[in-house]
Amino acid sequence: DTLWDLAIAEVEKRENPDDDDVKPGEVWEKSVLFMGNKNGGKTTIILRCLEREESPKPTLALEYTFGRRARRHNTPKDVAHFWELGGGTSLVELIRIPITSHNIRSFAVVLVLDLSKPNELWTTMESLLQVTRNHVNKILTKLEKTNPEVAAEIKQRMWNDLQRDHPDSALVDPFPIPLVIIGSKYDIFHEFDSEMRKIISKTLRFVSHYYGASLVFTSKSEALLLKARALINHLAFGYDKRMKNMVTTGLEYYFIYMYLYANPRPPPASDSDLGKMRANTPLELWKKVFERTFPPK
């Protein structure tokens, strides 16, 4: 490098302190898998994130696209790989294709749940997250033998932002890779009975809390779509400065666009009803309460 190259790099470093760990000319690659309810709006969200003016089409099995963005002027563009799983829960085994030991360090999951179909909500969420977690854990088990440093880094990252003195530290189970939960079709959900909205909202808040996930609601509203796009872009490219003042980590959320209630524990049920329910974990108890109001189809 010439003296001028070094000077330019130093100025850019001072102007962009968040990019200290990014070497000049280095290209980042991150991968994001979208999954969730069939016809839940996954394709629409991806197209908006990539700023593509296209009409969404039904997803066939597992589809792929990508986006590119430069951190600043005259620098190589980073690449974000977007995978979309179609078919709701019927093709869940296909997640083994995009999530591999080679990209696990830079992989994230976006779970899109259709708020207009609460009777499918828990089943969809549980099935997709369970299969994804099992697959990721298998990868981590193999990495412990072939590349223990990487396996340890990923596992430590799950707990890095969890406050040791947090009252729920023994009651949560962070997802092994970054997870975002998006509640879609908020405009339809908003017309539900207030008690139904309360149960759905508090349940999703708890689930996000339990998994250490981020949570946001979207609809046809431009304002909500912009918030979702900002969150996904931050997840995919990792340096969206508009998120600076909005991002928190660990058991907090990037932001929650919904009715905010008091502490989401315990589940919305009477003490006598809760006493009759047998559950081994907090998540299981919330499931019983939720499915009592919204029996799964």
Foldseek 3Di string as FASTA:
>chain_A
DDPVVVVVVVVVCVVAVVCPVPDAQDAAEAEEEEAEDAVLCPQVLVCVLQVHPDDDDGDDAKDKDKHWADPDPPHGTHIYIYMYGHDQLPNLVVVLVPDALVRVVRYEYEYEYELLQLLCRVVSVVRNLVSVQVSVVVSLVVCCVVPVVSSVVLQCVQCVQPDPPPPCPVAADARSHAYEYEHEAVVNNVPDDPVLNVQVVLLVLVVCLRHFYAYEYYYPDPVRSVVSSLVVCCSRVVRRVVLVVQDDGGSDHSDYPGDDDPNSPDHPDDPVVLVPDDDDGSNRSSVVVSCVVRPHD
